[in-house]
């Protein structure tokens, strides 16, 4: 009996050591647990857990670990392991990232997917690597306009409004149209509209719904056949942390990320129509942007956002050309 007890205790100790050695990764993002970006993170975590490679991903949604705009530097320093993050939030630090939310640059979701696999994105990834950051899951989300007053489809409609756009390039275009800019994360929009700080907003279809903005606006101009607003919102990981994982852990994480990326693209397409139904059900007026409206915005963007991007960066024209070369 004593020998059996010893063997059992030894086996328990070995099992306990294995469990204790499982590595935990912390993943931060700003959205609710019902948002598509949380579900992407959840898919990765679940698939990695199922792979049984001693890797556990703990998700911190709704800014419960880090504030929305304050995630990139902690990721770069290894203070957090993974984030789901709108890259243009860090356009002040890396001006090149502003091109990942450039008005009219992305034509549709399939075009966004091609951009993700292009030499343009390879250049963006080189910059991230310099900050010890790597992309796990590529993803663009489309978005639109909403207003607490009249509908917005053309540049003249934002004249005199205080609006939020999510990134510098969009802000430059809206300012050129006569809008006042109030910069904030999407998690802050609801309160800003409720208190009258904002009269208009650009954000993703997913954020429009998950942050319940239908409760604050009178008119919604969604991404439809014509969409001006596409924002790159990938799952990022600290590069050194990834490289420090075992080969089996890296393989499990890479496989889970590939599956999540394919799902993210399909869901991004579905989110646009789903958001319209949410706003329509709430009694919000739905407006549509025409091709003529889009062209007016794009012409203004070329005179403001595109021009400023090229002038600000020595390699601005070359990087923009890489993006524009993607059919």
Protein backbone atom coordinates (compact mmCIF):
# COMPACT_ATOMS: atom_id res chain seq x y z
CA UNK A 1 0.00 0.00 0.00
CA UNK A 2 2.82 2.34 0.84
CA UNK A 3 4.42 1.74 -2.58
CA UNK A 4 1.10 2.36 -4.35
CA UNK A 5 0.60 5.53 -2.37
CA UNK A 6 4.10 6.68 -3.26
CA UNK A 7 3.54 6.00 -6.98
CA UNK A 8 0.20 7.82 -6.87
CA UNK A 9 1.75 10.80 -5.09
CA UNK A 10 4.62 10.91 -7.57
CA UNK A 11 2.21 10.80 -10.49
CA UNK A 12 0.15 13.59 -8.94
CA UNK A 13 3.29 15.66 -8.45
CA UNK A 14 4.32 15.18 -12.07
CA UNK A 15 0.82 16.11 -13.25
CA UNK A 16 0.83 19.13 -10.98
CA UNK A 17 4.18 20.26 -12.32
CA UNK A 18 2.85 19.96 -15.87
CA UNK A 19 -0.21 22.02 -15.02
CA UNK A 20 1.89 24.61 -13.24
CA UNK A 21 4.20 24.94 -16.24
CA UNK A 22 1.36 25.87 -18.60
CA UNK A 23 2.02 29.35 -19.90
CA UNK A 24 -0.69 32.02 -19.61
CA UNK A 25 -0.97 34.80 -22.18
CA UNK A 26 -2.96 37.93 -21.44
CA UNK A 27 -5.05 39.43 -24.25
CA UNK A 28 -6.51 42.94 -23.93
CA UNK A 29 -9.16 44.76 -25.95
CA UNK A 30 -11.73 47.54 -25.56
CA UNK A 31 -14.98 45.90 -26.70
CA UNK A 32 -17.81 44.03 -24.99
CA UNK A 33 -18.02 40.24 -24.98
CA UNK A 34 -20.75 40.39 -27.63
CA UNK A 35 -18.52 42.17 -30.16
CA UNK A 36 -17.05 40.34 -33.15
CA UNK A 37 -13.52 41.30 -32.09
CA UNK A 38 -13.99 39.63 -28.72
CA UNK A 39 -15.32 36.55 -30.48
CA UNK A 40 -12.21 36.43 -32.66
CA UNK A 41 -10.06 36.50 -29.52
CA UNK A 42 -12.28 33.85 -27.93
CA UNK A 43 -11.93 31.56 -30.95
CA UNK A 44 -8.15 31.74 -30.70
CA UNK A 45 -8.20 31.07 -26.95
CA UNK A 46 -10.58 28.12 -27.27
CA UNK A 47 -8.70 26.48 -30.14
CA UNK A 48 -5.35 26.88 -28.40
CA UNK A 49 -6.80 25.36 -25.22
CA UNK A 50 -8.21 22.44 -27.22
CA UNK A 51 -4.78 21.82 -28.74
CA UNK A 52 -3.54 20.92 -25.24
CA UNK A 53 -0.06 22.39 -25.68
CA UNK A 54 0.24 23.99 -22.24
CA UNK A 55 -0.92 27.42 -23.35
CA UNK A 56 -3.77 29.39 -21.83
CA UNK A 57 -5.05 32.73 -23.18
CA UNK A 58 -6.88 34.91 -20.67
CA UNK A 59 -8.97 37.64 -22.29
CA UNK A 60 -9.53 41.05 -20.68
CA UNK A 61 -12.44 42.74 -22.57
CA UNK A 62 -13.99 46.19 -22.15
CA UNK A 63 -10.73 47.96 -21.17
CA UNK A 64 -10.55 45.84 -18.02
CA UNK A 65 -6.76 45.58 -18.27
CA UNK A 66 -5.66 48.58 -20.36
CA UNK A 67 -7.33 51.69 -21.78
CA UNK A 68 -8.23 51.45 -25.47
CA UNK A 69 -5.58 53.80 -26.83
CA UNK A 70 -2.91 52.74 -24.32
CA UNK A 71 -2.34 49.15 -25.45
CA UNK A 72 0.31 49.29 -28.17
CA UNK A 73 3.28 50.39 -26.06
CA UNK A 74 2.61 47.85 -23.27
CA UNK A 75 2.40 45.19 -25.98
CA UNK A 76 5.69 46.38 -27.48
CA UNK A 77 7.32 46.17 -24.04
CA UNK A 78 5.91 42.71 -23.29
CA UNK A 79 3.75 43.99 -20.44
CA UNK A 80 0.73 42.41 -22.16
CA UNK A 81 1.00 39.51 -24.60
CA UNK A 82 -1.78 40.10 -27.14
CA UNK A 83 -4.23 42.84 -28.11
CA UNK A 84 -7.05 43.36 -30.60
CA UNK A 85 -6.30 46.86 -31.73
CA UNK A 86 -7.19 49.53 -34.33
CA UNK A 87 -3.67 50.20 -35.59
CA UNK A 88 -4.33 53.81 -36.58
CA UNK A 89 -4.72 54.59 -32.85
CA UNK A 90 -0.90 54.55 -32.88
CA UNK A 91 -0.59 56.82 -35.92
CA UNK A 92 0.93 59.54 -33.76
CA UNK A 93 3.78 57.21 -32.87
CA UNK A 94 4.09 55.58 -36.29
CA UNK A 95 2.64 57.96 -38.93
CA UNK A 96 2.67 55.13 -41.47
CA UNK A 97 -0.14 53.46 -39.51
CA UNK A 98 -2.46 56.31 -40.51
CA UNK A 99 -2.66 54.68 -43.92
CA UNK A 100 -4.63 51.80 -42.32
CA UNK A 101 -7.59 54.20 -41.94
CA UNK A 102 -7.28 56.33 -45.07
CA UNK A 103 -10.62 57.52 -46.55
CA UNK A 104 -11.63 55.60 -49.65
CA UNK A 105 -8.44 53.53 -49.82
CA UNK A 106 -10.23 50.20 -49.27
CA UNK A 107 -12.94 49.43 -51.80
CA UNK A 108 -14.70 46.50 -50.09
CA UNK A 109 -14.07 43.58 -47.73
CA UNK A 110 -12.49 41.36 -50.37
CA UNK A 111 -10.19 44.21 -51.38
CA UNK A 112 -9.25 44.57 -47.70
CA UNK A 113 -8.34 40.88 -47.61
CA UNK A 114 -6.06 41.37 -50.62
CA UNK A 115 -4.42 44.36 -48.94
CA UNK A 116 -3.66 42.15 -45.94
CA UNK A 117 -1.57 39.86 -48.14
CA UNK A 118 0.12 42.62 -50.14
CA UNK A 119 3.59 44.23 -50.19
CA UNK A 120 1.90 47.26 -48.59
CA UNK A 121 0.97 45.26 -45.48
CA UNK A 122 4.42 43.64 -45.47
CA UNK A 123 5.90 47.14 -45.04
CA UNK A 124 3.50 47.89 -42.17
CA UNK A 125 4.47 44.58 -40.55
CA UNK A 126 8.16 45.49 -40.81
CA UNK A 127 7.46 48.61 -38.75
CA UNK A 128 5.58 46.59 -36.15
CA UNK A 129 8.49 44.13 -35.95
CA UNK A 130 10.77 47.05 -35.05
CA UNK A 131 8.47 47.55 -32.05
CA UNK A 132 8.65 43.80 -31.20
CA UNK A 133 5.07 43.31 -32.42
CA UNK A 134 3.74 40.73 -34.87
CA UNK A 135 0.35 40.20 -36.52
CA UNK A 136 -1.55 37.07 -35.56
CA UNK A 137 -4.85 37.87 -37.29
CA UNK A 138 -5.36 40.41 -40.06
CA UNK A 139 -8.72 42.13 -40.25
CA UNK A 140 -10.43 45.22 -41.61
CA UNK A 141 -13.87 46.37 -40.52
CA UNK A 142 -16.08 48.74 -42.50
CA UNK A 143 -18.01 51.58 -40.92
CA UNK A 144 -20.14 54.60 -41.59
CA UNK A 145 -21.49 57.86 -40.21
CA UNK A 146 -24.11 58.61 -37.60
CA UNK A 147 -25.50 61.89 -36.36
CA UNK A 148 -27.61 63.22 -33.52
CA UNK A 149 -29.20 65.54 -36.11
CA UNK A 150 -29.48 65.46 -39.89
CA UNK A 151 -28.14 62.63 -42.03
CA UNK A 152 -24.57 62.67 -43.30
CA UNK A 153 -23.76 61.50 -46.81
CA UNK A 154 -21.68 64.37 -48.28
CA UNK A 155 -18.82 66.57 -47.01
CA UNK A 156 -21.02 69.67 -46.60
CA UNK A 157 -23.23 67.77 -44.15
CA UNK A 158 -20.54 67.76 -41.41
CA UNK A 159 -19.81 71.49 -41.67
CA UNK A 160 -20.09 73.00 -38.19
CA UNK A 161 -20.47 69.63 -36.42
CA UNK A 162 -18.22 68.22 -33.73
CA UNK A 163 -17.32 64.73 -34.83
CA UNK A 164 -15.11 61.74 -34.06
CA UNK A 165 -13.35 59.76 -36.76
CA UNK A 166 -10.94 57.28 -35.06
CA UNK A 167 -7.77 58.26 -36.94
CA UNK A 168 -5.72 61.22 -38.13
CA UNK A 169 -6.38 60.79 -41.86
CA UNK A 170 -10.14 60.79 -41.42
CA UNK A 171 -9.91 63.71 -39.01
CA UNK A 172 -7.96 65.73 -41.60
CA UNK A 173 -10.62 65.10 -44.24
CA UNK A 174 -13.49 65.98 -41.88
CA UNK A 175 -11.71 69.13 -40.72
CA UNK A 176 -11.32 70.13 -44.37
CA UNK A 177 -15.10 69.73 -44.68
CA UNK A 178 -15.63 72.19 -41.82
CA UNK A 179 -16.08 69.82 -38.90
CA UNK A 180 -14.58 70.25 -35.44
CA UNK A 181 -12.72 67.15 -34.27
CA UNK A 182 -12.95 65.44 -30.89
CA UNK A 183 -10.56 62.47 -30.69
CA UNK A 184 -11.53 59.49 -28.55
CA UNK A 185 -11.69 55.70 -28.49
CA UNK A 186 -14.91 54.09 -29.69
CA UNK A 187 -15.66 53.04 -26.10
CA UNK A 188 -16.11 56.75 -25.21
CA UNK A 189 -18.53 57.69 -28.01
CA UNK A 190 -21.79 56.84 -26.22
CA UNK A 191 -21.15 59.17 -23.29
CA UNK A 192 -19.82 61.91 -25.58
CA UNK A 193 -23.01 61.83 -27.64
CA UNK A 194 -25.19 61.57 -24.57
CA UNK A 195 -23.61 64.70 -23.08
CA UNK A 196 -23.62 66.67 -26.34
CA UNK A 197 -19.85 66.65 -26.80
CA UNK A 198 -20.31 64.90 -30.16
CA UNK A 199 -22.92 65.51 -32.83
CA UNK A 200 -21.51 63.05 -35.38
CA UNK A 201 -19.31 59.99 -35.47
CA UNK A 202 -17.43 57.58 -37.70
CA UNK A 203 -16.83 54.09 -36.36
CA UNK A 204 -17.13 50.48 -37.42
CA UNK A 205 -20.44 48.74 -38.03
CA UNK A 206 -19.55 46.42 -35.15
CA UNK A 207 -18.93 49.28 -32.72
CA UNK A 208 -22.12 51.07 -33.77
CA UNK A 209 -24.07 48.05 -32.57
CA UNK A 210 -22.00 46.79 -29.63
CA UNK A 211 -21.79 50.25 -28.03
CA UNK A 212 -25.59 50.75 -28.50
CA UNK A 213 -25.18 54.01 -30.40
CA UNK A 214 -28.68 53.56 -31.83
CA UNK A 215 -29.82 54.95 -28.47
CA UNK A 216 -28.09 58.28 -29.13
CA UNK A 217 -28.42 59.05 -32.85
CA UNK A 218 -31.20 60.09 -35.23
CA UNK A 219 -29.63 59.08 -38.56
CA UNK A 220 -27.23 56.29 -39.55
CA UNK A 221 -25.32 56.11 -42.84
CA UNK A 222 -23.98 52.55 -42.88
CA UNK A 223 -21.33 50.87 -44.99
CA UNK A 224 -23.19 49.50 -47.98
CA UNK A 225 -22.34 49.06 -51.62
CA UNK A 226 -20.33 52.26 -51.18
CA UNK A 227 -18.20 52.56 -48.04
CA UNK A 228 -15.70 55.30 -47.23
CA UNK A 229 -14.52 54.02 -43.83
CA UNK A 230 -12.43 50.84 -43.53
CA UNK A 231 -10.17 50.40 -40.53
CA UNK A 232 -7.46 47.80 -39.95
CA UNK A 233 -8.12 46.11 -36.58
CA UNK A 234 -5.83 43.09 -36.19
CA UNK A 235 -4.96 40.74 -33.36
CA UNK A 236 -1.37 41.59 -32.44
CA UNK A 237 1.14 39.74 -30.28
CA UNK A 238 4.44 40.57 -28.68
CA UNK A 239 6.97 39.10 -31.12
CA UNK A 240 9.50 37.99 -28.48
CA UNK A 241 6.75 36.28 -26.49
CA UNK A 242 5.67 34.34 -29.58
CA UNK A 243 9.25 33.35 -30.37
CA UNK A 244 9.71 32.18 -26.78
CA UNK A 245 6.93 29.60 -27.10
CA UNK A 246 7.63 25.97 -27.93
CA UNK A 247 7.27 24.80 -31.54
CA UNK A 248 4.03 23.03 -30.60
CA UNK A 249 2.62 26.13 -28.94
CA UNK A 250 3.55 28.33 -31.91
CA UNK A 251 1.93 25.85 -34.30
CA UNK A 252 -1.28 25.72 -32.25
CA UNK A 253 -1.46 29.49 -32.01
CA UNK A 254 -0.77 29.95 -35.74
CA UNK A 255 -3.44 27.40 -36.70
CA UNK A 256 -5.99 28.99 -34.36
CA UNK A 257 -5.18 32.44 -35.76
CA UNK A 258 -5.61 31.29 -39.38
CA UNK A 259 -9.03 29.84 -38.60
CA UNK A 260 -10.05 33.01 -36.73
CA UNK A 261 -8.86 35.25 -39.57
CA UNK A 262 -11.07 33.46 -42.12
CA UNK A 263 -14.06 33.74 -39.77
CA UNK A 264 -13.29 37.41 -39.05
CA UNK A 265 -13.49 38.25 -42.76
CA UNK A 266 -16.87 36.56 -43.19
CA UNK A 267 -18.24 38.19 -40.06
CA UNK A 268 -16.94 41.62 -41.14
CA UNK A 269 -19.07 41.30 -44.27
CA UNK A 270 -22.13 40.33 -42.22
CA UNK A 271 -21.71 43.06 -39.59
CA UNK A 272 -22.64 45.89 -41.96
CA UNK A 273 -26.12 44.58 -42.72
CA UNK A 274 -26.65 43.42 -39.13
CA UNK A 275 -25.97 46.92 -37.78
CA UNK A 276 -28.57 48.39 -40.15
CA UNK A 277 -31.23 46.10 -38.70
CA UNK A 278 -30.30 47.12 -35.15
CA UNK A 279 -30.63 50.83 -35.97
CA UNK A 280 -33.78 50.41 -38.05
CA UNK A 281 -35.43 48.46 -35.22
CA UNK A 282 -34.59 51.35 -32.87
CA UNK A 283 -36.39 53.82 -35.16
CA UNK A 284 -33.22 55.48 -36.45
CA UNK A 285 -33.39 56.90 -39.98
CA UNK A 286 -31.16 55.03 -42.44
CA UNK A 287 -29.36 57.04 -45.14
CA UNK A 288 -27.38 55.73 -48.11
CA UNK A 289 -24.18 57.09 -49.59
CA UNK A 290 -24.20 57.17 -53.40
CA UNK A 291 -21.18 56.81 -55.66
CA UNK A 292 -21.39 60.54 -56.31
CA UNK A 293 -21.29 61.21 -52.56
CA UNK A 294 -18.30 58.89 -52.21
CA UNK A 295 -16.47 60.66 -55.04
CA UNK A 296 -16.99 64.03 -53.32
CA UNK A 297 -15.46 62.67 -50.11
CA UNK A 298 -12.57 61.05 -51.97
CA UNK A 299 -11.72 64.25 -53.81
CA UNK A 300 -11.67 66.12 -50.51
CA UNK A 301 -9.53 63.39 -48.94
CA UNK A 302 -6.99 63.62 -51.75
CA UNK A 303 -6.70 67.37 -51.14
CA UNK A 304 -6.34 66.95 -47.37
CA UNK A 305 -5.53 63.51 -45.89
CA UNK A 306 -3.62 62.05 -48.83
CA UNK A 307 -1.68 65.27 -49.40
CA UNK A 308 -0.74 65.57 -45.72
CA UNK A 309 0.35 61.92 -45.51
CA UNK A 310 2.66 62.31 -48.50
CA UNK A 311 4.13 65.55 -47.16
CA UNK A 312 4.64 64.24 -43.62
CA UNK A 313 6.58 61.09 -44.51
CA UNK A 314 9.67 60.79 -46.70
CA UNK A 315 8.37 57.39 -47.83
CA UNK A 316 4.72 58.49 -47.80
CA UNK A 317 4.21 58.48 -51.57
CA UNK A 318 5.92 55.11 -51.98
CA UNK A 319 3.83 53.51 -49.23
CA UNK A 320 0.61 55.02 -50.59
CA UNK A 321 1.51 53.75 -54.06
CA UNK A 322 1.97 50.24 -52.67
CA UNK A 323 -1.53 50.39 -51.19
CA UNK A 324 -3.07 51.86 -54.33
CA UNK A 325 -1.42 49.16 -56.44
CA UNK A 326 -3.59 46.46 -54.84
CA UNK A 327 -6.50 45.77 -57.19
